N, C-alpha and C. Protein backbone atom coordinates (compact mmCIF):
# COMPACT_ATOMS: atom_id res chain seq x y z
N MET A 1 0.81 -1.19 -0.01
CA MET A 1 0.00 0.00 0.05
C MET A 1 0.88 1.30 -0.01
N SER A 2 0.63 2.17 -0.91
CA SER A 2 1.41 3.39 -0.99
C SER A 2 0.60 4.55 -0.40
N LYS A 3 1.43 5.53 0.14
CA LYS A 3 0.92 6.73 0.66
C LYS A 3 1.15 7.90 -0.26
N VAL A 4 0.13 8.60 -0.72
CA VAL A 4 0.27 9.70 -1.57
C VAL A 4 -0.01 11.00 -0.86
N LEU A 5 0.88 11.96 -1.05
CA LEU A 5 0.73 13.29 -0.33
C LEU A 5 0.38 14.22 -1.41
N TYR A 6 -0.86 14.80 -1.29
CA TYR A 6 -1.34 15.82 -2.24
C TYR A 6 -1.20 17.23 -1.63
N ILE A 7 -0.26 17.91 -2.22
CA ILE A 7 0.07 19.31 -1.75
C ILE A 7 -0.65 20.32 -2.60
N ARG A 8 -1.57 20.96 -1.99
CA ARG A 8 -2.46 21.95 -2.70
C ARG A 8 -1.87 23.34 -2.56
N GLY A 9 -1.43 24.03 -3.59
CA GLY A 9 -0.74 25.25 -3.50
C GLY A 9 -1.60 26.40 -3.97
N SER A 10 -2.91 26.23 -4.03
CA SER A 10 -3.76 27.35 -4.41
C SER A 10 -4.86 27.59 -3.41
N PRO A 11 -5.21 28.87 -3.08
CA PRO A 11 -6.20 29.09 -2.07
C PRO A 11 -7.62 29.24 -2.68
N ARG A 12 -7.75 29.04 -3.95
CA ARG A 12 -9.07 29.30 -4.68
C ARG A 12 -10.03 28.18 -4.69
N GLY A 13 -9.63 26.99 -4.16
CA GLY A 13 -10.52 25.88 -4.10
C GLY A 13 -11.07 25.46 -5.43
N GLU A 14 -12.37 25.19 -5.56
CA GLU A 14 -12.95 24.73 -6.80
C GLU A 14 -12.83 25.69 -7.93
N ARG A 15 -12.53 26.99 -7.65
CA ARG A 15 -12.26 27.97 -8.72
C ARG A 15 -10.90 27.86 -9.38
N SER A 16 -10.02 27.13 -8.71
CA SER A 16 -8.69 27.01 -9.16
C SER A 16 -8.58 25.90 -10.29
N HIS A 17 -7.98 26.20 -11.42
CA HIS A 17 -7.80 25.27 -12.44
C HIS A 17 -6.78 24.21 -12.08
N SER A 18 -5.74 24.60 -11.33
CA SER A 18 -4.73 23.61 -10.92
C SER A 18 -5.33 22.58 -9.94
N VAL A 19 -6.17 23.13 -8.98
CA VAL A 19 -6.80 22.25 -7.99
C VAL A 19 -7.82 21.34 -8.72
N THR A 20 -8.53 21.93 -9.62
CA THR A 20 -9.59 21.06 -10.33
C THR A 20 -8.94 19.96 -11.00
N VAL A 21 -7.75 20.14 -11.67
CA VAL A 21 -7.09 19.04 -12.33
C VAL A 21 -6.47 18.10 -11.39
N ALA A 22 -5.79 18.59 -10.26
CA ALA A 22 -5.13 17.75 -9.34
C ALA A 22 -6.16 16.96 -8.49
N ASP A 23 -7.32 17.58 -8.21
CA ASP A 23 -8.38 16.83 -7.58
C ASP A 23 -8.88 15.62 -8.38
N ALA A 24 -9.04 15.87 -9.74
CA ALA A 24 -9.48 14.84 -10.64
C ALA A 24 -8.45 13.74 -10.72
N PHE A 25 -7.20 14.16 -10.77
CA PHE A 25 -6.10 13.13 -10.75
C PHE A 25 -6.18 12.28 -9.47
N ALA A 26 -6.30 12.90 -8.33
CA ALA A 26 -6.42 12.21 -7.06
C ALA A 26 -7.57 11.20 -6.98
N GLU A 27 -8.78 11.68 -7.50
CA GLU A 27 -9.91 10.78 -7.49
C GLU A 27 -9.79 9.66 -8.51
N ALA A 28 -9.16 9.87 -9.56
CA ALA A 28 -8.93 8.75 -10.64
C ALA A 28 -7.89 7.84 -10.07
N TYR A 29 -6.92 8.36 -9.31
CA TYR A 29 -5.81 7.53 -8.71
C TYR A 29 -6.44 6.58 -7.71
N LYS A 30 -7.38 7.06 -6.95
CA LYS A 30 -8.05 6.17 -5.91
C LYS A 30 -8.81 5.03 -6.59
N THR A 31 -9.35 5.38 -7.75
CA THR A 31 -10.16 4.29 -8.44
C THR A 31 -9.15 3.27 -9.03
N PHE A 32 -8.01 3.70 -9.50
CA PHE A 32 -7.08 2.79 -10.08
C PHE A 32 -6.20 2.06 -9.01
N HIS A 33 -6.13 2.65 -7.83
CA HIS A 33 -5.24 2.14 -6.80
C HIS A 33 -6.04 2.16 -5.46
N PRO A 34 -7.06 1.29 -5.30
CA PRO A 34 -7.92 1.45 -4.19
C PRO A 34 -7.31 1.11 -2.85
N ASN A 35 -6.27 0.42 -2.77
CA ASN A 35 -5.57 0.07 -1.60
C ASN A 35 -4.63 1.19 -1.07
N ASP A 36 -4.38 2.13 -1.83
CA ASP A 36 -3.56 3.30 -1.50
C ASP A 36 -4.23 4.38 -0.78
N THR A 37 -3.52 5.24 -0.03
CA THR A 37 -4.13 6.30 0.70
C THR A 37 -3.70 7.62 0.10
N VAL A 38 -4.53 8.63 0.03
CA VAL A 38 -4.22 10.01 -0.42
C VAL A 38 -4.55 10.94 0.72
N SER A 39 -3.52 11.70 1.12
CA SER A 39 -3.81 12.70 2.18
C SER A 39 -3.53 14.02 1.59
N THR A 40 -4.29 15.05 1.90
CA THR A 40 -4.19 16.40 1.37
C THR A 40 -3.57 17.40 2.35
N LEU A 41 -2.51 18.08 1.89
CA LEU A 41 -1.91 19.12 2.66
C LEU A 41 -2.19 20.41 1.95
N ASP A 42 -3.17 21.19 2.49
CA ASP A 42 -3.63 22.45 1.92
C ASP A 42 -2.73 23.52 2.51
N LEU A 43 -1.81 24.07 1.78
CA LEU A 43 -0.84 24.99 2.26
C LEU A 43 -1.36 26.37 2.71
N PHE A 44 -2.58 26.68 2.23
CA PHE A 44 -3.23 27.93 2.71
C PHE A 44 -4.08 27.75 3.92
N ARG A 45 -4.15 26.52 4.44
CA ARG A 45 -4.93 26.18 5.65
C ARG A 45 -4.07 25.51 6.67
N THR A 46 -2.72 25.44 6.39
CA THR A 46 -1.81 24.71 7.26
C THR A 46 -0.90 25.78 7.98
N ASN A 47 -0.64 25.52 9.22
CA ASN A 47 0.27 26.38 9.99
C ASN A 47 1.75 25.96 9.67
N LEU A 48 2.38 26.63 8.73
CA LEU A 48 3.74 26.35 8.42
C LEU A 48 4.62 26.96 9.52
N PRO A 49 5.63 26.26 9.85
CA PRO A 49 6.61 26.92 10.86
C PRO A 49 7.23 28.15 10.32
N PRO A 50 7.34 29.19 10.98
CA PRO A 50 8.06 30.33 10.51
C PRO A 50 9.52 30.06 10.25
N PHE A 51 10.08 30.70 9.19
CA PHE A 51 11.50 30.41 8.98
C PHE A 51 12.33 31.69 9.20
N ASP A 52 12.40 32.08 10.42
CA ASP A 52 13.14 33.25 10.80
C ASP A 52 13.51 33.03 12.34
N GLY A 53 14.18 34.07 12.87
CA GLY A 53 14.49 34.03 14.26
C GLY A 53 15.23 32.71 14.72
N LEU A 54 14.66 32.05 15.70
CA LEU A 54 15.21 30.85 16.24
C LEU A 54 15.33 29.70 15.24
N THR A 55 14.28 29.62 14.36
CA THR A 55 14.27 28.55 13.38
C THR A 55 15.54 28.68 12.42
N LEU A 56 15.70 29.93 11.90
CA LEU A 56 16.80 30.14 11.01
C LEU A 56 18.14 30.03 11.76
N GLN A 57 18.14 30.46 12.96
CA GLN A 57 19.39 30.29 13.78
C GLN A 57 19.74 28.82 14.04
N ALA A 58 18.64 28.01 14.16
CA ALA A 58 18.87 26.55 14.37
C ALA A 58 19.49 25.94 13.12
N LYS A 59 18.99 26.36 11.94
CA LYS A 59 19.61 25.85 10.69
C LYS A 59 21.10 26.15 10.60
N TYR A 60 21.44 27.35 10.91
CA TYR A 60 22.87 27.69 10.85
C TYR A 60 23.68 27.03 11.96
N THR A 61 23.09 26.75 13.04
CA THR A 61 23.79 25.92 14.05
C THR A 61 24.20 24.57 13.46
N ILE A 62 23.25 23.98 12.70
CA ILE A 62 23.54 22.64 12.02
C ILE A 62 24.62 22.84 11.02
N LEU A 63 24.52 23.89 10.22
CA LEU A 63 25.49 24.16 9.13
C LEU A 63 26.89 24.31 9.72
N HIS A 64 27.03 24.87 10.86
CA HIS A 64 28.25 25.15 11.47
C HIS A 64 28.78 23.98 12.46
N GLY A 65 27.95 22.91 12.37
CA GLY A 65 28.34 21.70 13.19
C GLY A 65 28.33 21.92 14.70
N LYS A 66 27.46 22.84 15.15
CA LYS A 66 27.41 23.08 16.58
C LYS A 66 26.13 22.37 17.13
N GLN A 67 26.00 22.48 18.51
CA GLN A 67 24.83 21.92 19.21
C GLN A 67 23.69 22.96 19.42
N HIS A 68 22.50 22.47 19.18
CA HIS A 68 21.38 23.42 19.39
C HIS A 68 21.23 23.86 20.85
N THR A 69 20.83 25.12 21.05
CA THR A 69 20.35 25.44 22.40
C THR A 69 18.96 24.87 22.60
N PRO A 70 18.49 24.70 23.85
CA PRO A 70 17.08 24.20 24.05
C PRO A 70 16.05 25.00 23.21
N GLU A 71 16.24 26.25 23.15
CA GLU A 71 15.28 27.13 22.41
C GLU A 71 15.28 26.84 20.90
N GLU A 72 16.53 26.71 20.36
CA GLU A 72 16.73 26.35 18.99
C GLU A 72 16.11 24.98 18.67
N LEU A 73 16.40 24.10 19.54
CA LEU A 73 15.87 22.63 19.33
C LEU A 73 14.37 22.70 19.25
N GLN A 74 13.76 23.38 20.14
CA GLN A 74 12.26 23.43 20.17
C GLN A 74 11.73 24.02 18.89
N ALA A 75 12.31 25.03 18.37
CA ALA A 75 11.95 25.69 17.12
C ALA A 75 12.13 24.79 16.01
N TRP A 76 13.21 23.99 15.97
CA TRP A 76 13.62 23.18 14.88
C TRP A 76 12.70 21.92 14.76
N LYS A 77 12.06 21.50 15.91
CA LYS A 77 11.18 20.37 15.85
C LYS A 77 10.00 20.58 14.89
N ALA A 78 9.52 21.74 14.71
CA ALA A 78 8.42 21.98 13.80
C ALA A 78 8.92 21.74 12.31
N VAL A 79 10.17 22.18 11.95
CA VAL A 79 10.75 21.83 10.77
C VAL A 79 10.90 20.44 10.52
N GLU A 80 11.45 19.71 11.50
CA GLU A 80 11.62 18.26 11.34
C GLU A 80 10.24 17.56 11.17
N ALA A 81 9.24 18.03 11.79
CA ALA A 81 7.91 17.50 11.65
C ALA A 81 7.39 17.62 10.21
N ALA A 82 7.55 18.78 9.60
CA ALA A 82 7.10 19.06 8.25
C ALA A 82 7.92 18.13 7.25
N ILE A 83 9.23 18.01 7.53
CA ILE A 83 10.04 17.15 6.69
C ILE A 83 9.65 15.76 6.82
N ALA A 84 9.38 15.29 7.98
CA ALA A 84 9.04 13.87 8.21
C ALA A 84 7.71 13.50 7.54
N GLU A 85 6.74 14.53 7.61
CA GLU A 85 5.57 14.21 6.95
C GLU A 85 5.69 14.12 5.44
N PHE A 86 6.57 15.01 4.85
CA PHE A 86 6.91 14.99 3.50
C PHE A 86 7.58 13.73 3.09
N LYS A 87 8.60 13.35 3.76
CA LYS A 87 9.42 12.13 3.39
C LYS A 87 8.61 10.82 3.66
N SER A 88 7.57 10.85 4.48
CA SER A 88 6.86 9.60 4.76
C SER A 88 5.99 9.17 3.54
N ALA A 89 5.77 10.04 2.60
CA ALA A 89 4.89 9.71 1.48
C ALA A 89 5.70 8.93 0.45
N ASP A 90 5.05 8.06 -0.31
CA ASP A 90 5.60 7.26 -1.41
C ASP A 90 5.51 7.94 -2.74
N LYS A 91 4.49 8.88 -2.89
CA LYS A 91 4.25 9.50 -4.12
C LYS A 91 3.71 10.93 -3.74
N TYR A 92 3.87 11.86 -4.76
CA TYR A 92 3.43 13.18 -4.49
C TYR A 92 2.61 13.72 -5.64
N VAL A 93 1.56 14.59 -5.26
CA VAL A 93 0.69 15.33 -6.14
C VAL A 93 0.73 16.76 -5.82
N PHE A 94 0.90 17.70 -6.76
CA PHE A 94 0.90 19.15 -6.53
C PHE A 94 -0.10 19.78 -7.40
N ALA A 95 -0.73 20.83 -6.81
CA ALA A 95 -1.65 21.63 -7.52
C ALA A 95 -0.91 23.09 -7.45
N VAL A 96 -0.51 23.60 -8.64
CA VAL A 96 0.31 24.80 -8.60
C VAL A 96 -0.08 25.86 -9.68
N PRO A 97 -0.68 26.95 -9.19
CA PRO A 97 -0.96 28.01 -10.12
C PRO A 97 0.24 28.87 -10.29
N MET A 98 0.36 29.70 -11.40
CA MET A 98 1.36 30.63 -11.65
C MET A 98 0.98 31.94 -10.98
N TRP A 99 1.82 32.50 -10.09
CA TRP A 99 1.59 33.81 -9.54
C TRP A 99 2.80 34.63 -9.93
N ASN A 100 2.54 35.71 -10.60
CA ASN A 100 3.57 36.60 -10.97
C ASN A 100 4.83 35.90 -11.58
N PHE A 101 4.48 34.95 -12.51
CA PHE A 101 5.49 34.20 -13.22
C PHE A 101 6.20 33.11 -12.43
N GLY A 102 5.83 33.03 -11.10
CA GLY A 102 6.45 32.06 -10.28
C GLY A 102 5.42 31.20 -9.53
N ILE A 103 5.70 30.76 -8.35
CA ILE A 103 4.84 29.89 -7.61
C ILE A 103 4.29 30.73 -6.42
N PRO A 104 3.10 30.31 -5.82
CA PRO A 104 2.54 30.98 -4.71
C PRO A 104 3.51 31.00 -3.50
N TYR A 105 3.37 32.08 -2.75
CA TYR A 105 4.33 32.28 -1.66
C TYR A 105 4.25 31.24 -0.63
N ARG A 106 3.08 30.61 -0.43
CA ARG A 106 2.95 29.63 0.60
C ARG A 106 3.66 28.31 0.16
N LEU A 107 3.66 28.03 -1.12
CA LEU A 107 4.38 26.86 -1.62
C LEU A 107 5.93 27.12 -1.46
N LYS A 108 6.28 28.35 -1.77
CA LYS A 108 7.72 28.71 -1.58
C LYS A 108 8.17 28.56 -0.12
N HIS A 109 7.29 29.04 0.79
CA HIS A 109 7.50 28.87 2.28
C HIS A 109 7.69 27.44 2.63
N TYR A 110 6.81 26.58 2.10
CA TYR A 110 6.84 25.18 2.45
C TYR A 110 8.19 24.61 2.02
N LEU A 111 8.54 24.84 0.76
CA LEU A 111 9.84 24.30 0.14
C LEU A 111 10.99 24.88 0.98
N ASP A 112 11.01 26.10 1.44
CA ASP A 112 12.00 26.60 2.23
C ASP A 112 12.15 25.92 3.54
N VAL A 113 11.00 25.41 4.02
CA VAL A 113 11.06 24.66 5.34
C VAL A 113 11.66 23.23 5.12
N ILE A 114 11.20 22.55 4.05
CA ILE A 114 11.57 21.15 3.93
C ILE A 114 12.88 20.89 3.17
N VAL A 115 13.44 21.82 2.43
CA VAL A 115 14.63 21.61 1.74
C VAL A 115 15.77 21.92 2.70
N GLN A 116 16.29 20.98 3.36
CA GLN A 116 17.25 21.23 4.47
C GLN A 116 18.37 20.17 4.34
N PRO A 117 19.63 20.57 4.54
CA PRO A 117 20.79 19.70 4.50
C PRO A 117 20.73 18.60 5.53
N GLY A 118 21.08 17.43 5.14
CA GLY A 118 20.99 16.27 6.07
C GLY A 118 19.67 15.57 6.17
N TYR A 119 18.55 16.26 5.57
CA TYR A 119 17.26 15.76 5.63
C TYR A 119 16.72 15.35 4.25
N THR A 120 16.79 16.38 3.30
CA THR A 120 16.29 16.13 1.96
C THR A 120 17.47 16.23 0.95
N PHE A 121 18.54 16.73 1.33
CA PHE A 121 19.71 16.74 0.43
C PHE A 121 20.94 16.65 1.27
N SER A 122 22.09 16.20 0.70
CA SER A 122 23.32 16.21 1.36
C SER A 122 24.51 16.89 0.49
N TYR A 123 25.62 17.16 1.11
CA TYR A 123 26.70 17.65 0.40
C TYR A 123 28.01 17.13 0.91
N SER A 124 28.90 16.74 -0.03
CA SER A 124 30.24 16.34 0.34
C SER A 124 31.16 16.81 -0.74
N PRO A 125 32.43 17.08 -0.39
CA PRO A 125 33.41 17.55 -1.37
C PRO A 125 33.57 16.55 -2.53
N THR A 126 33.44 15.23 -2.26
CA THR A 126 33.55 14.25 -3.33
C THR A 126 32.42 14.07 -4.22
N GLU A 127 31.22 14.10 -3.60
CA GLU A 127 29.94 13.85 -4.34
C GLU A 127 29.18 15.14 -4.73
N GLY A 128 29.54 16.22 -4.15
CA GLY A 128 28.75 17.43 -4.26
C GLY A 128 27.38 17.33 -3.69
N PHE A 129 26.41 17.95 -4.26
CA PHE A 129 25.05 17.98 -3.74
C PHE A 129 24.39 16.66 -4.23
N LYS A 130 23.61 16.06 -3.27
CA LYS A 130 22.92 14.78 -3.56
C LYS A 130 21.61 14.80 -2.88
N GLY A 131 20.51 14.56 -3.73
CA GLY A 131 19.15 14.49 -3.21
C GLY A 131 18.96 13.16 -2.36
N LEU A 132 18.20 13.32 -1.28
CA LEU A 132 18.00 12.24 -0.39
C LEU A 132 16.55 11.71 -0.47
N VAL A 133 15.74 12.30 -1.37
CA VAL A 133 14.33 11.81 -1.43
C VAL A 133 14.26 11.27 -2.84
N THR A 134 14.43 9.96 -3.02
CA THR A 134 14.57 9.38 -4.33
C THR A 134 13.54 8.22 -4.52
N GLY A 135 13.32 7.89 -5.81
CA GLY A 135 12.48 6.69 -6.11
C GLY A 135 11.02 7.01 -5.92
N LYS A 136 10.61 8.22 -5.84
CA LYS A 136 9.20 8.48 -5.65
C LYS A 136 8.63 9.36 -6.76
N PRO A 137 7.60 8.97 -7.45
CA PRO A 137 7.04 9.76 -8.60
C PRO A 137 6.31 10.95 -8.11
N VAL A 138 6.16 11.96 -8.95
CA VAL A 138 5.58 13.20 -8.68
C VAL A 138 4.59 13.59 -9.85
N PHE A 139 3.36 14.00 -9.51
CA PHE A 139 2.47 14.48 -10.54
C PHE A 139 2.19 16.01 -10.16
N ILE A 140 2.26 16.88 -11.14
CA ILE A 140 1.99 18.29 -10.93
C ILE A 140 0.99 18.80 -11.92
N ALA A 141 0.02 19.46 -11.42
CA ALA A 141 -1.01 20.16 -12.24
C ALA A 141 -0.69 21.68 -12.18
N TYR A 142 -0.22 22.21 -13.27
CA TYR A 142 0.11 23.63 -13.38
C TYR A 142 -1.04 24.37 -14.01
N ALA A 143 -1.23 25.65 -13.64
CA ALA A 143 -2.19 26.48 -14.35
C ALA A 143 -1.57 27.89 -14.49
N ARG A 144 -1.79 28.47 -15.64
CA ARG A 144 -1.30 29.78 -15.95
C ARG A 144 -2.41 30.60 -16.65
N GLY A 145 -2.54 31.86 -16.29
CA GLY A 145 -3.54 32.75 -17.02
C GLY A 145 -3.11 33.03 -18.45
N GLY A 146 -1.79 33.09 -18.67
CA GLY A 146 -1.23 33.33 -19.96
C GLY A 146 -0.65 32.08 -20.61
N GLU A 147 0.19 32.24 -21.63
CA GLU A 147 0.80 31.07 -22.24
C GLU A 147 2.32 31.23 -22.23
N TYR A 148 3.02 30.14 -21.79
CA TYR A 148 4.48 30.15 -21.73
C TYR A 148 5.13 28.87 -22.23
N PRO A 149 4.65 28.39 -23.36
CA PRO A 149 5.16 27.07 -23.91
C PRO A 149 6.70 27.10 -24.21
N GLU A 150 7.25 25.92 -24.07
CA GLU A 150 8.67 25.81 -24.42
C GLU A 150 8.93 26.15 -25.84
N GLY A 151 10.08 26.82 -26.08
CA GLY A 151 10.45 27.16 -27.45
C GLY A 151 9.82 28.42 -27.98
N THR A 152 9.13 29.18 -27.10
CA THR A 152 8.49 30.45 -27.48
C THR A 152 9.10 31.54 -26.65
N PRO A 153 8.92 32.81 -27.04
CA PRO A 153 9.40 34.00 -26.15
C PRO A 153 8.86 33.92 -24.78
N GLY A 154 7.60 33.39 -24.58
CA GLY A 154 7.02 33.37 -23.28
C GLY A 154 7.71 32.46 -22.33
N GLU A 155 8.43 31.49 -22.85
CA GLU A 155 9.10 30.59 -21.89
C GLU A 155 10.06 31.29 -21.04
N ALA A 156 10.62 32.39 -21.40
CA ALA A 156 11.59 33.08 -20.62
C ALA A 156 10.94 33.65 -19.31
N PHE A 157 9.57 33.78 -19.31
CA PHE A 157 8.86 34.25 -18.07
C PHE A 157 8.50 33.07 -17.19
N ASP A 158 8.66 31.90 -17.55
CA ASP A 158 8.24 30.74 -16.74
C ASP A 158 9.15 30.47 -15.60
N PHE A 159 8.94 31.04 -14.40
CA PHE A 159 9.65 30.68 -13.23
C PHE A 159 8.84 29.81 -12.31
N GLN A 160 7.80 29.20 -12.81
CA GLN A 160 6.89 28.42 -12.08
C GLN A 160 7.32 26.93 -12.25
N LYS A 161 7.18 26.42 -13.42
CA LYS A 161 7.55 25.06 -13.69
C LYS A 161 9.01 24.78 -13.58
N LYS A 162 9.84 25.66 -14.18
CA LYS A 162 11.25 25.55 -14.07
C LYS A 162 11.73 25.46 -12.57
N TYR A 163 11.29 26.42 -11.81
CA TYR A 163 11.76 26.40 -10.46
C TYR A 163 11.31 25.19 -9.63
N LEU A 164 10.07 24.93 -9.73
CA LEU A 164 9.49 23.80 -8.90
C LEU A 164 10.23 22.48 -9.37
N GLU A 165 10.37 22.18 -10.62
CA GLU A 165 11.00 20.96 -10.98
C GLU A 165 12.52 20.89 -10.67
N THR A 166 13.13 22.10 -10.71
CA THR A 166 14.54 22.15 -10.28
C THR A 166 14.66 21.85 -8.87
N ILE A 167 13.93 22.45 -8.00
CA ILE A 167 14.06 22.29 -6.51
C ILE A 167 13.60 20.76 -6.14
N LEU A 168 12.62 20.28 -6.81
CA LEU A 168 12.21 18.86 -6.56
C LEU A 168 13.39 17.88 -6.95
N GLY A 169 14.01 18.24 -8.15
CA GLY A 169 15.10 17.40 -8.61
C GLY A 169 16.28 17.52 -7.64
N PHE A 170 16.48 18.68 -7.09
CA PHE A 170 17.55 18.94 -6.11
C PHE A 170 17.43 17.97 -4.91
N MET A 171 16.18 17.70 -4.55
CA MET A 171 15.90 16.74 -3.44
C MET A 171 15.94 15.31 -3.86
N GLY A 172 16.16 15.04 -5.17
CA GLY A 172 16.25 13.72 -5.67
C GLY A 172 15.00 13.22 -6.39
N LEU A 173 13.98 14.03 -6.52
CA LEU A 173 12.79 13.61 -7.20
C LEU A 173 12.87 13.82 -8.68
N SER A 174 13.12 12.74 -9.50
CA SER A 174 13.36 12.87 -10.88
C SER A 174 12.28 12.37 -11.78
N ASP A 175 11.31 11.57 -11.22
CA ASP A 175 10.19 11.02 -11.95
C ASP A 175 9.04 11.98 -11.87
N ILE A 176 9.05 13.02 -12.69
CA ILE A 176 8.08 14.09 -12.60
C ILE A 176 7.13 14.09 -13.86
N ARG A 177 5.84 13.91 -13.62
CA ARG A 177 4.91 13.93 -14.73
C ARG A 177 3.96 15.05 -14.47
N SER A 178 3.69 15.85 -15.51
CA SER A 178 2.84 17.07 -15.35
C SER A 178 1.93 17.34 -16.45
N VAL A 179 0.87 18.16 -16.11
CA VAL A 179 -0.07 18.65 -17.03
C VAL A 179 -0.18 20.18 -16.84
N VAL A 180 -0.16 20.92 -17.95
CA VAL A 180 -0.17 22.40 -17.83
C VAL A 180 -1.52 22.83 -18.47
N VAL A 181 -2.25 23.66 -17.73
CA VAL A 181 -3.51 24.30 -18.22
C VAL A 181 -3.10 25.73 -18.57
N GLU A 182 -3.07 26.12 -19.87
CA GLU A 182 -2.86 27.48 -20.29
C GLU A 182 -3.39 27.72 -21.66
N PRO A 183 -3.88 28.88 -21.94
CA PRO A 183 -4.11 29.96 -21.02
C PRO A 183 -5.42 29.86 -20.33
N THR A 184 -5.60 30.15 -19.05
CA THR A 184 -6.93 30.08 -18.42
C THR A 184 -7.65 31.45 -18.52
N LEU A 185 -6.92 32.49 -18.82
CA LEU A 185 -7.57 33.90 -18.84
C LEU A 185 -7.30 34.59 -20.16
N LEU A 186 -6.15 34.55 -20.74
CA LEU A 186 -5.75 35.40 -21.82
C LEU A 186 -6.59 35.28 -22.99
N ALA A 187 -7.05 34.11 -23.30
CA ALA A 187 -7.79 33.87 -24.60
C ALA A 187 -9.35 33.79 -24.30
N GLY A 188 -9.81 34.11 -23.06
CA GLY A 188 -11.18 34.07 -22.78
C GLY A 188 -11.62 32.78 -22.12
N PRO A 189 -12.91 32.82 -21.56
CA PRO A 189 -13.32 31.66 -20.72
C PRO A 189 -13.55 30.50 -21.55
N GLU A 190 -13.97 30.56 -22.77
CA GLU A 190 -14.27 29.28 -23.58
C GLU A 190 -12.96 28.54 -23.83
N VAL A 191 -11.93 29.25 -24.13
CA VAL A 191 -10.63 28.58 -24.32
C VAL A 191 -10.07 27.96 -23.07
N GLY A 192 -10.24 28.80 -21.97
CA GLY A 192 -9.89 28.30 -20.63
C GLY A 192 -10.57 27.05 -20.26
N ALA A 193 -11.83 26.90 -20.47
CA ALA A 193 -12.58 25.71 -20.14
C ALA A 193 -12.16 24.61 -20.99
N ARG A 194 -11.88 24.84 -22.30
CA ARG A 194 -11.49 23.74 -23.15
C ARG A 194 -10.14 23.23 -22.71
N LYS A 195 -9.24 24.15 -22.39
CA LYS A 195 -7.90 23.69 -21.97
C LYS A 195 -7.95 22.85 -20.68
N THR A 196 -8.84 23.27 -19.77
CA THR A 196 -9.05 22.53 -18.53
C THR A 196 -9.58 21.14 -18.82
N THR A 197 -10.49 21.06 -19.65
CA THR A 197 -11.10 19.78 -20.03
C THR A 197 -10.05 18.81 -20.62
N GLU A 198 -9.23 19.38 -21.48
CA GLU A 198 -8.10 18.56 -22.04
C GLU A 198 -7.12 18.08 -21.00
N ALA A 199 -6.87 18.96 -20.04
CA ALA A 199 -5.94 18.72 -18.94
C ALA A 199 -6.52 17.58 -18.05
N LEU A 200 -7.84 17.65 -17.79
CA LEU A 200 -8.49 16.66 -16.99
C LEU A 200 -8.27 15.28 -17.58
N ALA A 201 -8.46 15.14 -18.87
CA ALA A 201 -8.33 13.89 -19.58
C ALA A 201 -6.89 13.31 -19.48
N GLN A 202 -5.92 14.23 -19.64
CA GLN A 202 -4.55 13.85 -19.53
C GLN A 202 -4.19 13.39 -18.09
N ALA A 203 -4.70 14.10 -17.04
CA ALA A 203 -4.44 13.81 -15.79
C ALA A 203 -4.96 12.43 -15.36
N LYS A 204 -6.16 12.17 -15.79
CA LYS A 204 -6.78 10.86 -15.49
C LYS A 204 -6.03 9.73 -16.12
N ALA A 205 -5.53 9.96 -17.37
CA ALA A 205 -4.77 8.95 -17.98
C ALA A 205 -3.41 8.70 -17.28
N ILE A 206 -2.82 9.67 -16.79
CA ILE A 206 -1.55 9.51 -16.03
C ILE A 206 -1.75 8.76 -14.76
N ALA A 207 -2.89 9.04 -14.12
CA ALA A 207 -3.21 8.44 -12.79
C ALA A 207 -3.25 6.86 -12.92
N ALA A 208 -3.58 6.46 -14.11
CA ALA A 208 -3.81 4.93 -14.23
C ALA A 208 -2.43 4.19 -13.97
N THR A 209 -1.36 4.79 -14.37
CA THR A 209 -0.02 4.15 -14.32
C THR A 209 0.93 4.89 -13.25
N PHE A 210 0.37 5.69 -12.48
CA PHE A 210 1.17 6.51 -11.54
C PHE A 210 1.60 5.64 -10.30
């Protein structure tokens, strides 16, 4: 039995194109894999640990090979809990809208919490950087109001897909399958609806072999 962690990065609920597609993927996945479990982490309804003050100090204590103070240790426990939840999953699903050419700030916050040396990646002079979260597939539903396809001038503005897949790869996640809904706004509601319908079909097909 596999555990799937569905990370929802949009606060718009059913109005979100990325959530609509990721939800459909999750439901299809349950049909194809009835013995697996899917748990949802809604980043806009989750208390993410702050990454400043004692928490940031605790990170640098680790980086410098020193011992945590009791206060640092207490602050760092929240980071370790978030990392443990992430690493306990066997598979990942993300719903990610494009905000200002990048990803929503809550998703960036979450990644800043879980991407930590010794937990999700390592470094040595001989091996360099090495991801520690490996052998786990990822499905991502992206949505953009405009169009940023590869090989076009618009691609230069895509700091959403490029960034997310780079940081996931940094942690060792290389089996990434995605669906992009674009444009959801630029060409009008009819085109947006058609693109979403196409993405839903693609997502459900991917779920069968995920």
